[in-house]
Amino acid sequence: MQDQGKSRGATFLGLLFAPCSEISLQTSMSLDTKLPRSHRIAIALHCCYCKACRRYRHQIYILREFLRASGEKPPLADGLAGISMSADARERIRKSVADQSE
Protein backbone atom coordinates (compact mmCIF):
# COMPACT_ATOMS: atom_id res chain seq x y z
CA MET A 1 0.00 0.00 0.00
CA GLN A 2 2.90 2.37 0.61
CA ASP A 3 4.06 1.98 -2.99
CA GLN A 4 0.77 3.41 -4.23
CA GLY A 5 1.22 6.47 -2.04
CA LYS A 6 4.75 6.94 -3.35
CA SER A 7 3.63 6.69 -6.97
CA ARG A 8 0.87 9.23 -6.36
CA GLY A 9 3.39 11.55 -4.76
CA ALA A 10 5.74 11.14 -7.72
CA THR A 11 2.88 11.93 -10.09
CA PHE A 12 2.01 15.01 -8.07
CA LEU A 13 5.62 16.20 -8.04
CA GLY A 14 5.97 15.38 -11.71
CA LEU A 15 2.95 17.53 -12.49
CA LEU A 16 4.00 20.24 -10.09
CA PHE A 17 7.16 20.82 -12.13
CA ALA A 18 5.64 19.85 -15.47
CA PRO A 19 6.00 22.07 -18.54
CA CYS A 20 3.04 24.11 -19.72
CA SER A 21 2.31 21.59 -22.48
CA GLU A 22 1.60 18.89 -19.89
CA ILE A 23 -0.49 21.24 -17.74
CA SER A 24 -2.58 22.29 -20.74
CA LEU A 25 -3.08 18.62 -21.67
CA GLN A 26 -4.26 17.80 -18.14
CA THR A 27 -6.51 20.87 -18.17
CA SER A 28 -8.06 19.75 -21.46
CA MET A 29 -8.54 16.24 -20.07
CA SER A 30 -10.55 17.76 -17.25
CA LEU A 31 -13.34 18.41 -19.77
CA ASP A 32 -13.81 14.68 -20.34
CA THR A 33 -13.09 13.23 -16.93
CA LYS A 34 -12.67 14.24 -13.32
CA LEU A 35 -8.96 14.45 -12.58
CA PRO A 36 -7.47 13.07 -9.37
CA ARG A 37 -7.19 15.60 -6.58
CA SER A 38 -3.40 15.63 -6.81
CA HIS A 39 -3.60 16.61 -10.49
CA ARG A 40 -6.11 19.38 -9.77
CA ILE A 41 -3.88 20.76 -7.00
CA ALA A 42 -0.77 20.62 -9.19
CA ILE A 43 -2.59 22.45 -11.99
CA ALA A 44 -3.84 25.10 -9.57
CA LEU A 45 -0.35 25.65 -8.14
CA HIS A 46 1.18 25.86 -11.63
CA CYS A 47 -1.46 28.41 -12.61
CA CYS A 48 -0.49 30.57 -9.63
CA TYR A 49 2.77 31.50 -11.35
CA CYS A 50 1.99 30.88 -15.04
CA LYS A 51 -0.22 33.50 -16.65
CA ALA A 52 -0.64 31.59 -19.95
CA CYS A 53 -1.83 28.40 -18.24
CA ARG A 54 -4.07 30.41 -15.94
CA ARG A 55 -5.69 32.03 -18.99
CA TYR A 56 -6.06 28.64 -20.73
CA ARG A 57 -7.58 27.11 -17.60
CA HIS A 58 -10.09 29.97 -17.45
CA GLN A 59 -11.01 29.40 -21.12
CA ILE A 60 -11.55 25.69 -20.45
CA TYR A 61 -13.73 26.61 -17.46
CA ILE A 62 -15.85 28.91 -19.66
CA LEU A 63 -16.14 26.18 -22.30
CA ARG A 64 -17.21 23.63 -19.68
CA GLU A 65 -19.86 25.99 -18.30
CA PHE A 66 -21.15 26.71 -21.81
CA LEU A 67 -21.43 22.99 -22.55
CA ARG A 68 -23.25 22.38 -19.28
CA ALA A 69 -25.69 25.20 -19.97
CA SER A 70 -26.37 23.91 -23.48
CA GLY A 71 -26.95 20.39 -22.16
CA GLU A 72 -24.40 18.89 -24.55
CA LYS A 73 -21.47 16.70 -23.67
CA PRO A 74 -18.08 17.27 -25.30
CA PRO A 75 -17.51 14.97 -28.27
CA LEU A 76 -15.24 12.03 -27.61
CA ALA A 77 -13.07 10.43 -30.26
CA ASP A 78 -14.58 6.96 -29.75
CA GLY A 79 -18.06 8.46 -30.15
CA LEU A 80 -17.21 9.43 -33.72
CA ALA A 81 -16.36 5.89 -34.83
CA GLY A 82 -19.73 5.25 -36.47
CA ILE A 83 -19.75 8.49 -38.48
CA SER A 84 -18.89 8.12 -42.14
CA MET A 85 -18.21 10.58 -44.91
CA SER A 86 -19.67 10.60 -48.41
CA ALA A 87 -17.46 9.52 -51.30
CA ASP A 88 -17.68 13.05 -52.76
CA ALA A 89 -16.45 14.60 -49.52
CA ARG A 90 -13.55 12.14 -49.29
CA GLU A 91 -12.56 12.92 -52.88
CA ARG A 92 -12.66 16.70 -52.26
CA ILE A 93 -10.45 16.30 -49.20
CA ARG A 94 -8.04 14.04 -51.08
CA LYS A 95 -7.73 16.56 -53.93
CA SER A 96 -7.29 19.45 -51.51
CA VAL A 97 -4.50 17.67 -49.65
CA ALA A 98 -2.82 16.70 -52.94
CA ASP A 99 -3.01 20.29 -54.20
CA GLN A 100 -1.49 21.67 -50.99
CA SER A 101 1.36 19.18 -50.99
CA GLU A 102 2.48 20.13 -54.53
C-alpha atoms as a PDB file:
ATOM      1  CA  MET A   1       0.000   0.000   0.000  1.00  0.00           C
ATOM      2  CA  GLN A   2       2.898   2.371   0.614  1.00  0.00           C
ATOM      3  CA  ASP A   3       4.062   1.976  -2.992  1.00  0.00           C
ATOM      4  CA  GLN A   4       0.768   3.411  -4.228  1.00  0.00           C
ATOM      5  CA  GLY A   5       1.217   6.474  -2.036  1.00  0.00           C
ATOM      6  CA  LYS A   6       4.748   6.944  -3.350  1.00  0.00           C
ATOM      7  CA  SER A   7       3.631   6.693  -6.972  1.00  0.00           C
ATOM      8  CA  ARG A   8       0.872   9.226  -6.358  1.00  0.00           C
ATOM      9  CA  GLY A   9       3.393  11.552  -4.760  1.00  0.00           C
ATOM     10  CA  ALA A  10       5.742  11.141  -7.721  1.00  0.00           C
ATOM     11  CA  THR A  11       2.883  11.927 -10.086  1.00  0.00           C
ATOM     12  CA  PHE A  12       2.008  15.006  -8.067  1.00  0.00           C
ATOM     13  CA  LEU A  13       5.625  16.197  -8.036  1.00  0.00           C
ATOM     14  CA  GLY A  14       5.967  15.382 -11.713  1.00  0.00           C
ATOM     15  CA  LEU A  15       2.946  17.525 -12.491  1.00  0.00           C
ATOM     16  CA  LEU A  16       3.999  20.240 -10.094  1.00  0.00           C
ATOM     17  CA  PHE A  17       7.163  20.822 -12.126  1.00  0.00           C
ATOM     18  CA  ALA A  18       5.643  19.851 -15.470  1.00  0.00           C
ATOM     19  CA  PRO A  19       6.004  22.070 -18.542  1.00  0.00           C
ATOM     20  CA  CYS A  20       3.044  24.113 -19.720  1.00  0.00           C
ATOM     21  CA  SER A  21       2.310  21.589 -22.483  1.00  0.00           C
ATOM     22  CA  GLU A  22       1.597  18.889 -19.887  1.00  0.00           C
ATOM     23  CA  ILE A  23      -0.486  21.243 -17.739  1.00  0.00           C
ATOM     24  CA  SER A  24      -2.577  22.288 -20.744  1.00  0.00           C
ATOM     25  CA  LEU A  25      -3.080  18.618 -21.668  1.00  0.00           C
ATOM     26  CA  GLN A  26      -4.263  17.799 -18.143  1.00  0.00           C
ATOM     27  CA  THR A  27      -6.510  20.873 -18.169  1.00  0.00           C
ATOM     28  CA  SER A  28      -8.061  19.749 -21.458  1.00  0.00           C
ATOM     29  CA  MET A  29      -8.537  16.236 -20.072  1.00  0.00           C
ATOM     30  CA  SER A  30     -10.546  17.762 -17.246  1.00  0.00           C
ATOM     31  CA  LEU A  31     -13.342  18.412 -19.768  1.00  0.00           C
ATOM     32  CA  ASP A  32     -13.809  14.679 -20.337  1.00  0.00           C
ATOM     33  CA  THR A  33     -13.085  13.227 -16.926  1.00  0.00           C
ATOM     34  CA  LYS A  34     -12.667  14.241 -13.320  1.00  0.00           C
ATOM     35  CA  LEU A  35      -8.960  14.449 -12.582  1.00  0.00           C
ATOM     36  CA  PRO A  36      -7.475  13.073  -9.373  1.00  0.00           C
ATOM     37  CA  ARG A  37      -7.195  15.603  -6.578  1.00  0.00           C
ATOM     38  CA  SER A  38      -3.397  15.630  -6.810  1.00  0.00           C
ATOM     39  CA  HIS A  39      -3.598  16.612 -10.485  1.00  0.00           C
ATOM     40  CA  ARG A  40      -6.105  19.381  -9.767  1.00  0.00           C
ATOM     41  CA  ILE A  41      -3.877  20.757  -6.999  1.00  0.00           C
ATOM     42  CA  ALA A  42      -0.771  20.620  -9.192  1.00  0.00           C
ATOM     43  CA  ILE A  43      -2.591  22.453 -11.987  1.00  0.00           C
ATOM     44  CA  ALA A  44      -3.843  25.096  -9.566  1.00  0.00           C
ATOM     45  CA  LEU A  45      -0.346  25.646  -8.145  1.00  0.00           C
ATOM     46  CA  HIS A  46       1.175  25.858 -11.627  1.00  0.00           C
ATOM     47  CA  CYS A  47      -1.464  28.409 -12.609  1.00  0.00           C
ATOM     48  CA  CYS A  48      -0.485  30.574  -9.629  1.00  0.00           C
ATOM     49  CA  TYR A  49       2.768  31.496 -11.346  1.00  0.00           C
ATOM     50  CA  CYS A  50       1.991  30.885 -15.040  1.00  0.00           C
ATOM     51  CA  LYS A  51      -0.225  33.497 -16.651  1.00  0.00           C
ATOM     52  CA  ALA A  52      -0.642  31.592 -19.947  1.00  0.00           C
ATOM     53  CA  CYS A  53      -1.832  28.399 -18.238  1.00  0.00           C
ATOM     54  CA  ARG A  54      -4.065  30.409 -15.936  1.00  0.00           C
ATOM     55  CA  ARG A  55      -5.687  32.031 -18.993  1.00  0.00           C
ATOM     56  CA  TYR A  56      -6.064  28.641 -20.726  1.00  0.00           C
ATOM     57  CA  ARG A  57      -7.581  27.108 -17.597  1.00  0.00           C
ATOM     58  CA  HIS A  58     -10.088  29.965 -17.452  1.00  0.00           C
ATOM     59  CA  GLN A  59     -11.008  29.397 -21.119  1.00  0.00           C
ATOM     60  CA  ILE A  60     -11.554  25.691 -20.454  1.00  0.00           C
ATOM     61  CA  TYR A  61     -13.733  26.612 -17.458  1.00  0.00           C
ATOM     62  CA  ILE A  62     -15.853  28.913 -19.657  1.00  0.00           C
ATOM     63  CA  LEU A  63     -16.135  26.182 -22.302  1.00  0.00           C
ATOM     64  CA  ARG A  64     -17.214  23.627 -19.682  1.00  0.00           C
ATOM     65  CA  GLU A  65     -19.865  25.994 -18.302  1.00  0.00           C
ATOM     66  CA  PHE A  66     -21.154  26.708 -21.808  1.00  0.00           C
ATOM     67  CA  LEU A  67     -21.430  22.988 -22.554  1.00  0.00           C
ATOM     68  CA  ARG A  68     -23.250  22.377 -19.283  1.00  0.00           C
ATOM     69  CA  ALA A  69     -25.686  25.205 -19.975  1.00  0.00           C
ATOM     70  CA  SER A  70     -26.373  23.909 -23.483  1.00  0.00           C
ATOM     71  CA  GLY A  71     -26.946  20.393 -22.164  1.00  0.00           C
ATOM     72  CA  GLU A  72     -24.397  18.890 -24.554  1.00  0.00           C
ATOM     73  CA  LYS A  73     -21.466  16.701 -23.668  1.00  0.00           C
ATOM     74  CA  PRO A  74     -18.079  17.268 -25.297  1.00  0.00           C
ATOM     75  CA  PRO A  75     -17.510  14.974 -28.268  1.00  0.00           C
ATOM     76  CA  LEU A  76     -15.240  12.033 -27.606  1.00  0.00           C
ATOM     77  CA  ALA A  77     -13.067  10.429 -30.256  1.00  0.00           C
ATOM     78  CA  ASP A  78     -14.584   6.958 -29.748  1.00  0.00           C
ATOM     79  CA  GLY A  79     -18.058   8.464 -30.146  1.00  0.00           C
ATOM     80  CA  LEU A  80     -17.207   9.433 -33.717  1.00  0.00           C
ATOM     81  CA  ALA A  81     -16.355   5.894 -34.834  1.00  0.00           C
ATOM     82  CA  GLY A  82     -19.729   5.253 -36.472  1.00  0.00           C
ATOM     83  CA  ILE A  83     -19.745   8.492 -38.476  1.00  0.00           C
ATOM     84  CA  SER A  84     -18.888   8.119 -42.136  1.00  0.00           C
ATOM     85  CA  MET A  85     -18.210  10.584 -44.910  1.00  0.00           C
ATOM     86  CA  SER A  86     -19.674  10.603 -48.411  1.00  0.00           C
ATOM     87  CA  ALA A  87     -17.456   9.520 -51.305  1.00  0.00           C
ATOM     88  CA  ASP A  88     -17.677  13.046 -52.762  1.00  0.00           C
ATOM     89  CA  ALA A  89     -16.450  14.596 -49.524  1.00  0.00           C
ATOM     90  CA  ARG A  90     -13.554  12.136 -49.293  1.00  0.00           C
ATOM     91  CA  GLU A  91     -12.557  12.919 -52.875  1.00  0.00           C
ATOM     92  CA  ARG A  92     -12.658  16.696 -52.260  1.00  0.00           C
ATOM     93  CA  ILE A  93     -10.449  16.300 -49.201  1.00  0.00           C
ATOM     94  CA  ARG A  94      -8.041  14.036 -51.077  1.00  0.00           C
ATOM     95  CA  LYS A  95      -7.734  16.564 -53.925  1.00  0.00           C
ATOM     96  CA  SER A  96      -7.291  19.447 -51.514  1.00  0.00           C
ATOM     97  CA  VAL A  97      -4.500  17.665 -49.654  1.00  0.00           C
ATOM     98  CA  ALA A  98      -2.822  16.696 -52.938  1.00  0.00           C
ATOM     99  CA  ASP A  99      -3.013  20.293 -54.201  1.00  0.00           C
ATOM    100  CA  GLN A 100      -1.494  21.671 -50.987  1.00  0.00           C
ATOM    101  CA  SER A 101       1.361  19.185 -50.994  1.00  0.00           C
ATOM    102  CA  GLU A 102       2.477  20.127 -54.533  1.00  0.00           C
END
